[in-house]
N, C-alpha and C. Protein backbone atom coordinates (compact mmCIF):
# COMPACT_ATOMS: atom_id res chain seq x y z
N UNK A 1 71.88 -27.62 3.56
CA UNK A 1 72.12 -28.97 3.09
C UNK A 1 72.04 -29.95 4.27
N UNK A 2 71.48 -31.11 3.99
CA UNK A 2 71.42 -32.20 4.99
C UNK A 2 72.23 -33.37 4.47
N UNK A 3 73.13 -33.88 5.31
CA UNK A 3 73.98 -34.98 4.90
C UNK A 3 73.52 -36.29 5.55
N UNK A 4 73.47 -37.34 4.75
CA UNK A 4 73.06 -38.65 5.22
C UNK A 4 74.06 -39.19 6.25
N UNK A 5 73.58 -39.66 7.41
CA UNK A 5 74.50 -40.30 8.35
C UNK A 5 75.17 -41.50 7.68
N UNK A 6 76.47 -41.69 7.87
CA UNK A 6 77.19 -42.78 7.19
C UNK A 6 76.54 -44.14 7.38
N UNK A 7 76.00 -44.41 8.57
CA UNK A 7 75.40 -45.73 8.81
C UNK A 7 74.11 -45.94 8.03
N UNK A 8 73.55 -44.89 7.47
CA UNK A 8 72.30 -45.01 6.69
C UNK A 8 72.53 -44.99 5.18
N UNK A 9 73.77 -44.84 4.75
CA UNK A 9 74.04 -44.84 3.31
C UNK A 9 73.66 -46.18 2.71
N UNK A 10 72.99 -46.15 1.58
CA UNK A 10 72.51 -47.40 0.97
C UNK A 10 72.24 -47.18 -0.51
N UNK A 11 72.20 -48.28 -1.23
CA UNK A 11 71.80 -48.27 -2.63
C UNK A 11 70.57 -49.15 -2.75
N UNK A 12 69.51 -48.64 -3.33
CA UNK A 12 68.27 -49.39 -3.45
C UNK A 12 68.34 -50.33 -4.65
N UNK A 13 68.30 -51.62 -4.37
CA UNK A 13 68.29 -52.61 -5.45
C UNK A 13 66.87 -52.83 -5.95
N UNK A 14 65.92 -52.89 -5.01
CA UNK A 14 64.51 -53.07 -5.37
C UNK A 14 63.63 -52.53 -4.26
N UNK A 15 62.67 -51.71 -4.63
CA UNK A 15 61.63 -51.26 -3.72
C UNK A 15 60.36 -52.03 -4.08
N UNK A 16 59.79 -52.71 -3.09
CA UNK A 16 58.59 -53.49 -3.34
C UNK A 16 57.36 -52.61 -3.44
N UNK A 17 57.20 -51.70 -2.48
CA UNK A 17 56.02 -50.85 -2.46
C UNK A 17 56.31 -49.62 -1.61
N UNK A 18 55.37 -48.71 -1.53
CA UNK A 18 55.54 -47.52 -0.70
C UNK A 18 54.17 -46.98 -0.31
N UNK A 19 54.17 -46.15 0.72
CA UNK A 19 52.95 -45.48 1.20
C UNK A 19 51.83 -46.49 1.49
N UNK A 20 52.17 -47.54 2.21
CA UNK A 20 51.19 -48.54 2.66
C UNK A 20 51.06 -48.48 4.17
N UNK A 21 49.97 -49.02 4.70
CA UNK A 21 49.79 -49.07 6.14
C UNK A 21 50.71 -50.12 6.75
N UNK A 22 50.91 -50.04 8.06
CA UNK A 22 51.75 -51.00 8.75
C UNK A 22 51.23 -52.42 8.58
N UNK A 23 49.90 -52.55 8.60
CA UNK A 23 49.30 -53.88 8.46
C UNK A 23 49.52 -54.45 7.05
N UNK A 24 49.44 -53.60 6.05
CA UNK A 24 49.67 -54.05 4.67
C UNK A 24 51.12 -54.47 4.47
N UNK A 25 52.04 -53.71 5.06
CA UNK A 25 53.45 -54.05 4.95
C UNK A 25 53.73 -55.38 5.64
N UNK A 26 53.14 -55.58 6.81
CA UNK A 26 53.35 -56.83 7.54
C UNK A 26 52.89 -58.03 6.72
N UNK A 27 51.80 -57.86 6.00
CA UNK A 27 51.30 -58.95 5.16
C UNK A 27 52.27 -59.25 4.01
N UNK A 28 52.82 -58.21 3.39
CA UNK A 28 53.78 -58.40 2.31
C UNK A 28 55.07 -59.05 2.81
N UNK A 29 55.54 -58.60 3.97
CA UNK A 29 56.75 -59.17 4.55
C UNK A 29 56.55 -60.65 4.86
N UNK A 30 55.36 -60.98 5.39
CA UNK A 30 55.06 -62.37 5.67
C UNK A 30 55.04 -63.23 4.42
N UNK A 31 54.62 -62.64 3.31
CA UNK A 31 54.57 -63.37 2.04
C UNK A 31 55.97 -63.59 1.45
N UNK A 32 56.85 -62.60 1.65
CA UNK A 32 58.19 -62.68 1.09
C UNK A 32 59.15 -63.49 1.98
N UNK A 33 58.94 -63.44 3.29
CA UNK A 33 59.89 -64.00 4.25
C UNK A 33 60.33 -65.44 3.97
N UNK A 34 59.44 -66.35 3.55
CA UNK A 34 59.91 -67.71 3.27
C UNK A 34 60.96 -67.77 2.14
N UNK A 35 61.03 -66.71 1.34
CA UNK A 35 61.97 -66.66 0.22
C UNK A 35 63.10 -65.66 0.47
N UNK A 36 63.14 -65.08 1.67
CA UNK A 36 64.09 -64.00 1.95
C UNK A 36 65.54 -64.45 1.84
N UNK A 37 65.85 -65.65 2.28
CA UNK A 37 67.24 -66.12 2.22
C UNK A 37 67.71 -66.22 0.78
N UNK A 38 66.87 -66.77 -0.10
CA UNK A 38 67.24 -66.90 -1.50
C UNK A 38 67.50 -65.54 -2.13
N UNK A 39 66.68 -64.56 -1.78
CA UNK A 39 66.80 -63.23 -2.38
C UNK A 39 68.01 -62.48 -1.81
N UNK A 40 68.12 -62.43 -0.49
CA UNK A 40 69.18 -61.62 0.13
C UNK A 40 70.56 -62.24 -0.02
N UNK A 41 70.64 -63.57 -0.20
CA UNK A 41 71.94 -64.23 -0.41
C UNK A 41 72.33 -64.28 -1.89
N UNK A 42 71.52 -63.72 -2.76
CA UNK A 42 71.73 -63.86 -4.20
C UNK A 42 73.08 -63.30 -4.64
N UNK A 43 73.51 -62.23 -3.98
CA UNK A 43 74.77 -61.60 -4.39
C UNK A 43 76.00 -62.40 -3.96
N UNK A 44 75.81 -63.46 -3.17
CA UNK A 44 76.94 -64.30 -2.79
C UNK A 44 77.48 -65.05 -4.01
N UNK A 45 76.58 -65.39 -4.92
CA UNK A 45 76.97 -66.13 -6.13
C UNK A 45 76.82 -65.32 -7.40
N UNK A 46 76.22 -64.13 -7.33
CA UNK A 46 76.04 -63.26 -8.50
C UNK A 46 76.67 -61.91 -8.16
N UNK A 47 77.95 -61.76 -8.53
CA UNK A 47 78.75 -60.66 -8.03
C UNK A 47 78.97 -59.57 -9.07
N UNK A 48 78.07 -58.63 -9.10
CA UNK A 48 78.17 -57.49 -10.02
C UNK A 48 79.16 -56.47 -9.47
N UNK A 49 79.97 -55.90 -10.34
CA UNK A 49 81.01 -54.95 -9.92
C UNK A 49 80.70 -53.55 -10.42
N UNK A 50 80.82 -52.58 -9.54
CA UNK A 50 80.60 -51.17 -9.87
C UNK A 50 81.90 -50.41 -9.70
N UNK A 51 82.16 -49.48 -10.63
CA UNK A 51 83.40 -48.70 -10.60
C UNK A 51 83.11 -47.25 -10.99
N UNK A 52 84.16 -46.46 -11.07
CA UNK A 52 84.12 -45.07 -11.52
C UNK A 52 83.12 -44.22 -10.72
N UNK A 53 83.33 -44.08 -9.41
CA UNK A 53 82.45 -43.23 -8.61
C UNK A 53 82.48 -41.79 -9.08
N UNK A 54 81.32 -41.16 -9.08
CA UNK A 54 81.19 -39.79 -9.54
C UNK A 54 80.05 -39.11 -8.78
N UNK A 55 80.29 -37.90 -8.35
CA UNK A 55 79.29 -37.13 -7.61
C UNK A 55 78.41 -36.36 -8.58
N UNK A 56 77.09 -36.46 -8.39
CA UNK A 56 76.14 -35.73 -9.22
C UNK A 56 75.06 -35.11 -8.37
N UNK A 57 74.26 -34.24 -8.96
CA UNK A 57 73.21 -33.58 -8.19
C UNK A 57 72.07 -33.16 -9.09
N UNK A 58 70.93 -32.94 -8.46
CA UNK A 58 69.79 -32.33 -9.15
C UNK A 58 69.19 -31.29 -8.21
N UNK A 59 67.95 -30.89 -8.44
CA UNK A 59 67.37 -29.81 -7.65
C UNK A 59 67.09 -30.20 -6.21
N UNK A 60 67.04 -31.51 -5.91
CA UNK A 60 66.67 -31.93 -4.57
C UNK A 60 67.77 -32.62 -3.79
N UNK A 61 68.76 -33.19 -4.45
CA UNK A 61 69.75 -34.00 -3.73
C UNK A 61 71.04 -34.14 -4.51
N UNK A 62 72.06 -34.68 -3.86
CA UNK A 62 73.28 -35.06 -4.55
C UNK A 62 73.66 -36.46 -4.12
N UNK A 63 74.26 -37.20 -5.05
CA UNK A 63 74.49 -38.62 -4.84
C UNK A 63 75.81 -39.05 -5.45
N UNK A 64 76.33 -40.16 -4.93
CA UNK A 64 77.51 -40.79 -5.48
C UNK A 64 77.05 -41.91 -6.40
N UNK A 65 77.35 -41.79 -7.69
CA UNK A 65 76.91 -42.77 -8.68
C UNK A 65 78.09 -43.61 -9.16
N UNK A 66 77.76 -44.80 -9.66
CA UNK A 66 78.76 -45.72 -10.18
C UNK A 66 78.34 -46.21 -11.56
N UNK A 67 79.30 -46.76 -12.30
CA UNK A 67 79.03 -47.38 -13.58
C UNK A 67 79.31 -48.88 -13.48
N UNK A 68 78.56 -49.71 -14.22
CA UNK A 68 78.88 -51.14 -14.25
C UNK A 68 80.25 -51.35 -14.88
N UNK A 69 81.05 -52.22 -14.27
CA UNK A 69 82.38 -52.51 -14.81
C UNK A 69 82.26 -53.32 -16.10
N UNK A 70 83.21 -53.12 -17.00
CA UNK A 70 83.24 -53.85 -18.27
C UNK A 70 84.66 -54.30 -18.57
N UNK A 71 85.28 -54.90 -17.57
CA UNK A 71 86.62 -55.44 -17.76
C UNK A 71 87.75 -54.51 -17.37
N UNK A 72 87.44 -53.29 -16.91
CA UNK A 72 88.50 -52.36 -16.53
C UNK A 72 89.07 -52.72 -15.15
N UNK A 73 90.36 -52.52 -15.00
CA UNK A 73 90.98 -52.63 -13.69
C UNK A 73 90.81 -53.96 -12.99
N UNK A 74 90.92 -55.06 -13.70
CA UNK A 74 90.71 -56.37 -13.10
C UNK A 74 91.85 -56.74 -12.15
N UNK A 75 91.48 -57.35 -11.03
CA UNK A 75 92.48 -57.82 -10.07
C UNK A 75 91.84 -58.87 -9.18
N UNK A 76 92.60 -59.40 -8.26
CA UNK A 76 92.10 -60.37 -7.29
C UNK A 76 91.47 -61.59 -7.95
N UNK A 77 92.05 -62.05 -9.06
CA UNK A 77 91.56 -63.26 -9.71
C UNK A 77 90.30 -63.08 -10.53
N UNK A 78 89.79 -61.87 -10.63
CA UNK A 78 88.59 -61.63 -11.41
C UNK A 78 88.97 -61.50 -12.89
N UNK A 79 88.14 -62.09 -13.77
CA UNK A 79 88.40 -62.03 -15.21
C UNK A 79 87.31 -61.23 -15.90
N UNK A 80 87.57 -60.86 -17.15
CA UNK A 80 86.64 -60.01 -17.89
C UNK A 80 85.23 -60.61 -17.97
N UNK A 81 85.15 -61.93 -18.11
CA UNK A 81 83.84 -62.59 -18.21
C UNK A 81 83.00 -62.38 -16.95
N UNK A 82 83.66 -62.18 -15.81
CA UNK A 82 82.91 -61.95 -14.57
C UNK A 82 82.10 -60.67 -14.64
N UNK A 83 82.57 -59.69 -15.42
CA UNK A 83 81.87 -58.41 -15.52
C UNK A 83 80.69 -58.45 -16.49
N UNK A 84 80.50 -59.58 -17.15
CA UNK A 84 79.35 -59.69 -18.05
C UNK A 84 78.04 -59.70 -17.26
N UNK A 85 78.11 -60.08 -16.00
CA UNK A 85 76.93 -59.98 -15.13
C UNK A 85 77.02 -58.63 -14.41
N UNK A 86 76.11 -57.71 -14.76
CA UNK A 86 76.18 -56.34 -14.27
C UNK A 86 75.13 -56.07 -13.19
N UNK A 87 75.22 -54.87 -12.65
CA UNK A 87 74.24 -54.44 -11.65
C UNK A 87 72.83 -54.41 -12.24
N UNK A 88 72.71 -54.10 -13.51
CA UNK A 88 71.39 -54.10 -14.16
C UNK A 88 70.82 -55.52 -14.19
N UNK A 89 71.68 -56.51 -14.45
CA UNK A 89 71.21 -57.90 -14.40
C UNK A 89 70.78 -58.27 -12.99
N UNK A 90 71.52 -57.79 -12.01
CA UNK A 90 71.17 -58.08 -10.61
C UNK A 90 69.80 -57.52 -10.27
N UNK A 91 69.55 -56.29 -10.64
CA UNK A 91 68.24 -55.68 -10.37
C UNK A 91 67.13 -56.47 -11.06
N UNK A 92 67.38 -56.88 -12.29
CA UNK A 92 66.41 -57.69 -13.03
C UNK A 92 66.11 -58.99 -12.30
N UNK A 93 67.16 -59.67 -11.85
CA UNK A 93 66.99 -60.97 -11.21
C UNK A 93 66.29 -60.86 -9.86
N UNK A 94 66.66 -59.82 -9.09
CA UNK A 94 66.02 -59.64 -7.78
C UNK A 94 64.55 -59.30 -7.95
N UNK A 95 64.25 -58.52 -8.97
CA UNK A 95 62.84 -58.24 -9.28
C UNK A 95 62.10 -59.54 -9.58
N UNK A 96 62.70 -60.40 -10.40
CA UNK A 96 62.06 -61.67 -10.77
C UNK A 96 61.87 -62.57 -9.55
N UNK A 97 62.87 -62.61 -8.67
CA UNK A 97 62.77 -63.43 -7.47
C UNK A 97 61.65 -62.93 -6.56
N UNK A 98 61.57 -61.62 -6.40
CA UNK A 98 60.51 -61.05 -5.55
C UNK A 98 59.14 -61.25 -6.18
N UNK A 99 59.07 -61.07 -7.49
CA UNK A 99 57.80 -61.24 -8.19
C UNK A 99 57.30 -62.67 -8.09
N UNK A 100 58.23 -63.62 -8.02
CA UNK A 100 57.88 -65.03 -7.93
C UNK A 100 57.19 -65.37 -6.60
N UNK A 101 57.37 -64.52 -5.59
CA UNK A 101 56.72 -64.77 -4.30
C UNK A 101 55.23 -64.46 -4.34
N UNK A 102 54.80 -63.79 -5.41
CA UNK A 102 53.39 -63.46 -5.55
C UNK A 102 53.02 -62.06 -5.11
N UNK A 103 53.99 -61.29 -4.57
CA UNK A 103 53.68 -59.93 -4.16
C UNK A 103 53.56 -59.04 -5.39
N UNK A 104 52.76 -58.01 -5.27
CA UNK A 104 52.64 -57.03 -6.35
C UNK A 104 53.68 -55.95 -6.13
N UNK A 105 54.58 -55.78 -7.09
CA UNK A 105 55.67 -54.82 -6.96
C UNK A 105 55.23 -53.48 -7.53
N UNK A 106 55.25 -52.46 -6.69
CA UNK A 106 54.86 -51.12 -7.11
C UNK A 106 55.89 -50.11 -6.70
N UNK A 107 57.06 -50.18 -7.31
CA UNK A 107 58.17 -49.32 -6.92
C UNK A 107 58.06 -47.93 -7.53
N UNK A 108 58.55 -46.95 -6.79
CA UNK A 108 58.64 -45.59 -7.33
C UNK A 108 59.84 -45.45 -8.25
N UNK A 109 60.87 -46.30 -8.02
CA UNK A 109 62.14 -46.15 -8.72
C UNK A 109 62.25 -47.17 -9.84
N UNK A 110 62.18 -46.71 -11.06
CA UNK A 110 62.28 -47.61 -12.21
C UNK A 110 63.54 -47.35 -13.04
N UNK A 111 64.17 -46.20 -12.84
CA UNK A 111 65.39 -45.88 -13.59
C UNK A 111 66.51 -46.78 -13.07
N UNK A 112 67.23 -47.48 -13.95
CA UNK A 112 68.27 -48.41 -13.52
C UNK A 112 69.56 -47.70 -13.11
N UNK A 113 69.48 -46.92 -12.07
CA UNK A 113 70.62 -46.15 -11.60
C UNK A 113 71.29 -46.88 -10.44
N UNK A 114 72.61 -46.75 -10.35
CA UNK A 114 73.35 -47.30 -9.22
C UNK A 114 73.96 -46.13 -8.46
N UNK A 115 73.27 -45.66 -7.43
CA UNK A 115 73.72 -44.47 -6.71
C UNK A 115 73.39 -44.56 -5.22
N UNK A 116 74.16 -43.82 -4.44
CA UNK A 116 73.89 -43.63 -3.02
C UNK A 116 73.60 -42.15 -2.82
N UNK A 117 72.43 -41.84 -2.31
CA UNK A 117 72.13 -40.45 -1.98
C UNK A 117 72.90 -40.08 -0.73
N UNK A 118 73.74 -39.06 -0.82
CA UNK A 118 74.55 -38.69 0.33
C UNK A 118 74.13 -37.38 0.97
N UNK A 119 73.25 -36.63 0.32
CA UNK A 119 72.78 -35.39 0.91
C UNK A 119 71.58 -34.84 0.16
N UNK A 120 70.87 -33.95 0.82
CA UNK A 120 69.68 -33.34 0.21
C UNK A 120 69.65 -31.84 0.48
N UNK A 121 69.07 -31.13 -0.48
CA UNK A 121 68.81 -29.70 -0.30
C UNK A 121 67.43 -29.59 0.34
N UNK A 122 67.38 -29.44 1.66
CA UNK A 122 66.08 -29.44 2.34
C UNK A 122 65.54 -28.04 2.60
N UNK A 123 66.40 -27.02 2.55
CA UNK A 123 65.97 -25.63 2.64
C UNK A 123 66.75 -24.84 1.60
N UNK A 124 66.24 -23.68 1.20
CA UNK A 124 66.96 -22.87 0.20
C UNK A 124 68.07 -22.02 0.82
N UNK A 125 68.29 -22.12 2.12
CA UNK A 125 69.19 -21.23 2.82
C UNK A 125 70.61 -21.26 2.27
N UNK A 126 71.12 -22.46 1.96
CA UNK A 126 72.52 -22.58 1.56
C UNK A 126 72.80 -22.11 0.14
N UNK A 127 71.77 -22.00 -0.68
CA UNK A 127 72.00 -21.62 -2.08
C UNK A 127 71.17 -20.40 -2.49
N UNK A 128 70.65 -19.66 -1.51
CA UNK A 128 69.83 -18.50 -1.83
C UNK A 128 70.50 -17.22 -1.37
N UNK A 129 69.96 -16.10 -1.84
CA UNK A 129 70.50 -14.80 -1.48
C UNK A 129 70.18 -14.50 -0.03
N UNK A 130 71.06 -13.77 0.61
CA UNK A 130 70.90 -13.45 2.03
C UNK A 130 69.74 -12.48 2.24
N UNK A 131 69.05 -12.65 3.39
CA UNK A 131 67.89 -11.81 3.68
C UNK A 131 68.28 -10.34 3.79
N UNK A 132 69.52 -10.07 4.30
CA UNK A 132 69.92 -8.67 4.47
C UNK A 132 70.09 -7.94 3.15
N UNK A 133 70.08 -8.69 2.02
CA UNK A 133 70.20 -8.04 0.72
C UNK A 133 68.86 -7.50 0.24
N UNK A 134 67.82 -7.71 1.04
CA UNK A 134 66.51 -7.19 0.70
C UNK A 134 65.74 -8.03 -0.30
N UNK A 135 66.09 -9.31 -0.43
CA UNK A 135 65.38 -10.21 -1.34
C UNK A 135 64.87 -11.40 -0.55
N UNK A 136 63.91 -12.11 -1.10
CA UNK A 136 63.38 -13.28 -0.44
C UNK A 136 64.45 -14.36 -0.33
N UNK A 137 64.39 -15.11 0.77
CA UNK A 137 65.40 -16.14 1.03
C UNK A 137 65.39 -17.24 -0.02
N UNK A 138 64.29 -17.40 -0.72
CA UNK A 138 64.19 -18.47 -1.72
C UNK A 138 64.76 -18.07 -3.07
N UNK A 139 65.19 -16.82 -3.22
CA UNK A 139 65.76 -16.38 -4.48
C UNK A 139 67.16 -16.98 -4.66
N UNK A 140 67.38 -17.75 -5.72
CA UNK A 140 68.69 -18.39 -5.91
C UNK A 140 69.82 -17.37 -6.01
N UNK A 141 70.94 -17.71 -5.40
CA UNK A 141 72.12 -16.86 -5.46
C UNK A 141 73.11 -17.50 -6.44
N UNK A 142 73.33 -16.88 -7.59
CA UNK A 142 74.22 -17.47 -8.60
C UNK A 142 75.62 -17.76 -8.07
N UNK A 143 76.15 -16.89 -7.23
CA UNK A 143 77.49 -17.09 -6.70
C UNK A 143 77.57 -18.30 -5.78
N UNK A 144 76.54 -18.47 -4.96
CA UNK A 144 76.52 -19.63 -4.06
C UNK A 144 76.39 -20.93 -4.85
N UNK A 145 75.54 -20.90 -5.86
CA UNK A 145 75.37 -22.10 -6.69
C UNK A 145 76.66 -22.41 -7.45
N UNK A 146 77.35 -21.37 -7.89
CA UNK A 146 78.62 -21.56 -8.59
C UNK A 146 79.63 -22.27 -7.69
N UNK A 147 79.67 -21.85 -6.41
CA UNK A 147 80.60 -22.46 -5.46
C UNK A 147 80.26 -23.94 -5.23
N UNK A 148 78.96 -24.26 -5.16
CA UNK A 148 78.54 -25.65 -4.98
C UNK A 148 79.00 -26.50 -6.16
N UNK A 149 78.74 -25.99 -7.38
CA UNK A 149 79.12 -26.73 -8.59
C UNK A 149 80.64 -26.87 -8.68
N UNK A 150 81.37 -25.82 -8.36
CA UNK A 150 82.83 -25.88 -8.39
C UNK A 150 83.36 -26.91 -7.41
N UNK A 151 82.76 -26.99 -6.22
CA UNK A 151 83.20 -27.97 -5.23
C UNK A 151 82.89 -29.39 -5.70
N UNK A 152 81.75 -29.59 -6.32
CA UNK A 152 81.43 -30.92 -6.86
C UNK A 152 82.41 -31.29 -7.96
N UNK A 153 82.74 -30.33 -8.84
CA UNK A 153 83.74 -30.59 -9.89
C UNK A 153 85.10 -30.94 -9.28
N UNK A 154 85.44 -30.27 -8.20
CA UNK A 154 86.71 -30.53 -7.52
C UNK A 154 86.73 -31.95 -6.93
N UNK A 155 85.64 -32.34 -6.30
CA UNK A 155 85.54 -33.69 -5.73
C UNK A 155 85.62 -34.74 -6.85
N UNK A 156 84.93 -34.49 -7.95
CA UNK A 156 84.95 -35.46 -9.06
C UNK A 156 86.33 -35.60 -9.69
N UNK A 157 87.05 -34.50 -9.78
CA UNK A 157 88.42 -34.57 -10.31
C UNK A 157 89.28 -35.43 -9.39
N UNK A 158 89.10 -35.27 -8.09
CA UNK A 158 89.85 -36.07 -7.12
C UNK A 158 89.46 -37.55 -7.21
N UNK A 159 88.16 -37.84 -7.31
CA UNK A 159 87.70 -39.22 -7.44
C UNK A 159 88.29 -39.88 -8.69
N UNK A 160 88.25 -39.16 -9.80
CA UNK A 160 88.76 -39.71 -11.05
C UNK A 160 90.27 -39.94 -10.98
N UNK A 161 90.95 -39.03 -10.34
CA UNK A 161 92.41 -39.14 -10.23
C UNK A 161 92.83 -40.28 -9.29
N UNK A 162 92.12 -40.46 -8.21
CA UNK A 162 92.54 -41.40 -7.18
C UNK A 162 91.86 -42.76 -7.25
N UNK A 163 90.63 -42.82 -7.76
CA UNK A 163 89.85 -44.04 -7.60
C UNK A 163 89.33 -44.68 -8.89
N UNK A 164 89.60 -44.06 -10.03
CA UNK A 164 89.20 -44.69 -11.28
C UNK A 164 90.29 -45.66 -11.73
N UNK A 165 89.97 -46.60 -12.65
CA UNK A 165 90.98 -47.53 -13.15
C UNK A 165 92.17 -46.79 -13.73
N UNK A 166 93.38 -47.40 -13.56
CA UNK A 166 94.60 -46.75 -14.00
C UNK A 166 95.62 -47.81 -14.39
N UNK A 167 96.65 -47.39 -15.08
CA UNK A 167 97.74 -48.29 -15.46
C UNK A 167 98.77 -48.33 -14.34
N UNK A 168 98.44 -49.07 -13.28
CA UNK A 168 99.32 -49.15 -12.12
C UNK A 168 98.96 -50.41 -11.35
N UNK A 169 99.67 -50.64 -10.27
CA UNK A 169 99.39 -51.76 -9.38
C UNK A 169 99.11 -51.20 -7.99
N UNK A 170 97.92 -51.40 -7.43
CA UNK A 170 96.79 -52.09 -8.06
C UNK A 170 96.13 -51.21 -9.12
N UNK A 171 95.38 -51.82 -10.07
CA UNK A 171 94.75 -51.03 -11.14
C UNK A 171 93.64 -50.12 -10.63
N UNK A 172 93.04 -50.46 -9.49
CA UNK A 172 92.04 -49.61 -8.86
C UNK A 172 92.36 -49.54 -7.38
N UNK A 173 92.45 -48.34 -6.85
CA UNK A 173 92.71 -48.16 -5.44
C UNK A 173 91.60 -48.78 -4.61
N UNK A 174 91.93 -49.29 -3.42
CA UNK A 174 90.91 -49.78 -2.50
C UNK A 174 89.89 -48.68 -2.25
N UNK A 175 88.62 -49.00 -2.41
CA UNK A 175 87.56 -48.01 -2.29
C UNK A 175 87.06 -47.51 -3.62
N UNK A 176 87.75 -47.85 -4.70
CA UNK A 176 87.36 -47.36 -6.02
C UNK A 176 86.45 -48.29 -6.78
N UNK A 177 86.21 -49.47 -6.23
CA UNK A 177 85.25 -50.39 -6.85
C UNK A 177 84.42 -51.03 -5.76
N UNK A 178 83.25 -51.52 -6.14
CA UNK A 178 82.35 -52.16 -5.19
C UNK A 178 81.76 -53.39 -5.87
N UNK A 179 82.08 -54.55 -5.33
CA UNK A 179 81.43 -55.76 -5.79
C UNK A 179 80.25 -56.01 -4.86
N UNK A 180 79.05 -55.91 -5.41
CA UNK A 180 77.85 -56.04 -4.59
C UNK A 180 77.84 -57.41 -3.91
N UNK A 181 77.70 -57.40 -2.60
CA UNK A 181 77.74 -58.63 -1.83
C UNK A 181 79.02 -58.77 -1.02
N UNK A 182 79.99 -57.89 -1.30
CA UNK A 182 81.22 -57.93 -0.51
C UNK A 182 80.93 -57.49 0.92
N UNK A 183 81.35 -58.26 1.87
CA UNK A 183 81.16 -58.07 3.31
C UNK A 183 79.75 -58.44 3.77
N UNK A 184 78.73 -58.05 3.01
CA UNK A 184 77.37 -58.44 3.38
C UNK A 184 76.49 -58.48 2.13
N UNK A 185 75.43 -59.30 2.22
CA UNK A 185 74.53 -59.43 1.08
C UNK A 185 73.48 -58.35 1.04
N UNK A 186 72.39 -58.62 0.36
CA UNK A 186 71.30 -57.65 0.27
C UNK A 186 70.61 -57.51 1.62
N UNK A 187 70.16 -56.31 1.91
CA UNK A 187 69.58 -55.99 3.21
C UNK A 187 68.07 -55.78 3.03
N UNK A 188 67.29 -56.72 3.52
CA UNK A 188 65.83 -56.69 3.39
C UNK A 188 65.26 -55.88 4.56
N UNK A 189 64.71 -54.70 4.24
CA UNK A 189 64.18 -53.80 5.25
C UNK A 189 62.68 -53.59 5.06
N UNK A 190 62.02 -53.25 6.15
CA UNK A 190 60.62 -52.87 6.11
C UNK A 190 60.41 -51.61 6.95
N UNK A 191 59.24 -50.99 6.78
CA UNK A 191 58.89 -49.83 7.61
C UNK A 191 59.17 -48.52 6.92
N UNK A 192 59.47 -47.50 7.72
CA UNK A 192 59.74 -46.16 7.18
C UNK A 192 61.18 -46.11 6.69
N UNK A 193 61.35 -46.35 5.40
CA UNK A 193 62.68 -46.55 4.83
C UNK A 193 63.33 -45.28 4.31
N UNK A 194 62.67 -44.15 4.46
CA UNK A 194 63.25 -42.92 3.93
C UNK A 194 64.62 -42.69 4.53
N UNK A 195 65.56 -42.33 3.67
CA UNK A 195 66.92 -41.98 4.09
C UNK A 195 67.63 -43.14 4.79
N UNK A 196 67.32 -44.38 4.41
CA UNK A 196 68.05 -45.53 4.92
C UNK A 196 67.64 -46.04 6.27
N UNK A 197 66.46 -45.68 6.72
CA UNK A 197 66.00 -46.13 8.03
C UNK A 197 65.14 -47.39 7.87
N UNK A 198 64.29 -47.67 8.85
CA UNK A 198 63.44 -48.86 8.77
C UNK A 198 63.97 -49.98 9.66
N UNK A 199 63.32 -51.13 9.56
CA UNK A 199 63.66 -52.28 10.39
C UNK A 199 64.16 -53.41 9.51
N UNK A 200 65.26 -54.02 9.94
CA UNK A 200 65.83 -55.12 9.17
C UNK A 200 65.00 -56.39 9.34
N UNK A 201 64.71 -57.04 8.20
CA UNK A 201 64.04 -58.34 8.21
C UNK A 201 65.11 -59.44 8.09
N UNK A 202 66.02 -59.27 7.14
CA UNK A 202 67.11 -60.23 6.99
C UNK A 202 68.27 -59.58 6.24
N UNK A 203 69.49 -59.89 6.67
CA UNK A 203 70.69 -59.44 5.99
C UNK A 203 71.32 -60.65 5.31
N UNK A 204 71.60 -60.51 4.01
CA UNK A 204 72.14 -61.60 3.24
C UNK A 204 73.59 -61.91 3.57
N UNK A 205 74.01 -63.10 3.17
CA UNK A 205 75.38 -63.57 3.40
C UNK A 205 76.34 -62.84 2.47
N UNK A 206 77.44 -62.36 3.04
CA UNK A 206 78.45 -61.67 2.25
C UNK A 206 79.70 -62.51 2.07
N UNK A 207 80.63 -61.98 1.29
CA UNK A 207 81.91 -62.66 1.08
C UNK A 207 83.03 -61.66 1.32
N UNK A 208 84.22 -62.17 1.52
CA UNK A 208 85.39 -61.34 1.77
C UNK A 208 86.42 -61.55 0.68
N UNK A 209 87.13 -60.46 0.36
CA UNK A 209 88.26 -60.55 -0.56
C UNK A 209 89.53 -60.25 0.23
N UNK A 210 90.62 -60.86 -0.17
CA UNK A 210 91.90 -60.60 0.48
C UNK A 210 92.73 -59.71 -0.44
N UNK A 211 92.96 -58.49 0.00
CA UNK A 211 93.69 -57.53 -0.82
C UNK A 211 95.20 -57.72 -0.63
N UNK A 212 95.91 -57.53 -1.72
CA UNK A 212 97.38 -57.63 -1.66
C UNK A 212 98.01 -56.31 -2.04
């Protein structure tokens, strides 16, 4: 298993394109840049809230996913109507803003998911049978996979117990919700963006909340 460095953790709001040459990317960045402030600062005034973190996985990776809030666990002066603007609306609006610049958007990611990839299965070693057992290393080991799934279930039970909305004060523990744009706005990156890398073009304006 490979774990994402904490400083590279990210959620993709919009991918403009992929597998282009450096020169092609530079041209697209130049076309978008005059509008970058409007796009990256958008979350300063359009504050979508995500809650209920949950760990999930597939054959290639595991990620921390969130659900759009719908009035649960309100605090800090936020009202139910504020949750009517969701992360899905944010993705729609950012797409429209980028499309308005005239660039052709060719994203690989079209599923409206709100997740951070935190690790990947890059070799079969951690979930396969041992070589000394006389089988190929790529042969899945049911016991190892069972342990992985059990650990994910254990983490999810802890997340639900500690960080999901509850009948208490505060209704959601610090860290259990994410208002997009808190601390910093959208991060406009270019270059080799795999696993959260690349070069920053502009970081949007963020806002701060005062917790009590």
